[in-house]
Amino acid sequence: MFDGVKTRFPFNYVLPILEPQYVSDMVIAAVKRRQEVIRLPRLMYISDLLHFVLPVRVKDIIFEILGFSSAMDSFTQTRKN
């Protein structure tokens, strides 16, 4: 949903950049079901488990390896304020 966002190879196959239409469809479906939380891709529900099992420093290292920390480095702003 952000132009230029990238995930690190080979993790881009596990945590792909999602298409805006897919995300908006999933959000609308969640609202209709009165679902309070939605994680996309679904694999991100594991982050809830990690929150309770791992210390913050370990999670930070995992997120760094997966490329979460640098995913927005190549972001391109497309809207003018």
Protein backbone atom coordinates (compact mmCIF):
# COMPACT_ATOMS: atom_id res chain seq x y z
CA MET A 1 0.00 0.00 0.00
CA PHE A 2 3.08 2.18 0.02
CA ASP A 3 5.00 2.69 -3.21
CA GLY A 4 8.57 1.49 -2.88
CA VAL A 5 8.12 -0.73 0.19
CA LYS A 6 10.19 -3.90 -0.05
CA THR A 7 10.84 -6.99 2.02
CA ARG A 8 14.13 -8.80 2.01
CA PHE A 9 14.69 -11.89 -0.17
CA PRO A 10 13.84 -14.74 0.56
CA PHE A 11 11.38 -13.45 3.17
CA ASN A 12 9.37 -11.64 0.49
CA TYR A 13 7.81 -15.05 -0.29
CA VAL A 14 6.79 -15.56 3.34
CA LEU A 15 5.75 -11.95 4.04
CA PRO A 16 4.79 -10.48 0.67
CA ILE A 17 3.87 -6.88 0.03
CA LEU A 18 0.08 -7.04 -0.22
CA GLU A 19 -2.05 -5.47 -2.90
CA PRO A 20 -4.22 -2.55 -1.73
CA GLN A 21 -7.44 -4.10 -3.07
CA TYR A 22 -6.83 -7.34 -1.13
CA VAL A 23 -6.09 -5.42 2.08
CA SER A 24 -9.14 -3.20 1.74
CA ASP A 25 -11.37 -6.24 1.04
CA MET A 26 -10.04 -7.99 4.14
CA VAL A 27 -10.53 -4.89 6.30
CA ILE A 28 -14.12 -4.45 5.10
CA ALA A 29 -14.84 -8.14 5.78
CA ALA A 30 -13.36 -7.80 9.28
CA VAL A 31 -15.49 -4.74 10.01
CA LYS A 32 -18.61 -6.59 8.87
CA ARG A 33 -17.72 -9.48 11.24
CA ARG A 34 -17.02 -6.98 14.03
CA GLN A 35 -13.51 -8.39 14.21
CA GLU A 36 -11.43 -6.15 16.46
CA VAL A 37 -7.98 -7.14 15.17
CA ILE A 38 -6.78 -8.14 11.75
CA ARG A 39 -3.24 -9.14 10.88
CA LEU A 40 -2.16 -9.35 7.28
CA PRO A 41 -0.71 -11.54 6.03
CA ARG A 42 -2.24 -14.09 8.41
CA LEU A 43 1.24 -15.30 9.34
CA MET A 44 1.50 -12.09 11.41
CA TYR A 45 -0.79 -13.61 14.06
CA ILE A 46 2.38 -15.38 15.19
CA SER A 47 3.61 -11.98 16.40
CA ASP A 48 1.00 -12.16 19.19
CA LEU A 49 2.58 -15.39 20.41
CA LEU A 50 6.09 -13.96 20.11
CA HIS A 51 5.03 -10.98 22.20
CA PHE A 52 4.43 -13.23 25.20
CA VAL A 53 7.24 -15.74 24.62
CA LEU A 54 10.28 -13.72 23.56
CA PRO A 55 12.05 -10.75 25.13
CA VAL A 56 11.91 -7.50 23.19
CA ARG A 57 15.59 -7.66 22.20
CA VAL A 58 15.13 -11.09 20.59
CA LYS A 59 12.04 -9.88 18.69
CA ASP A 60 14.01 -6.86 17.48
CA ILE A 61 16.73 -9.15 16.13
CA ILE A 62 14.17 -11.37 14.37
CA PHE A 63 12.44 -8.36 12.83
CA GLU A 64 15.80 -7.01 11.67
CA ILE A 65 16.68 -10.33 10.01
CA LEU A 66 13.28 -10.48 8.30
CA GLY A 67 13.74 -6.92 7.04
CA PHE A 68 10.85 -5.33 8.93
CA SER A 69 13.13 -2.61 10.23
CA SER A 70 14.17 -1.53 6.74
CA ALA A 71 10.99 -2.23 4.74
CA MET A 72 10.13 1.46 4.52
CA ASP A 73 13.64 2.64 3.62
CA SER A 74 12.73 2.76 -0.09
CA PHE A 75 9.26 4.28 0.48
CA THR A 76 8.26 6.92 -2.05
CA GLN A 77 5.80 9.58 -1.00
CA THR A 78 3.15 9.97 -3.67
CA ARG A 79 0.74 12.40 -2.01
CA LYS A 80 1.37 16.10 -1.77
CA ASN A 81 0.24 17.81 1.46
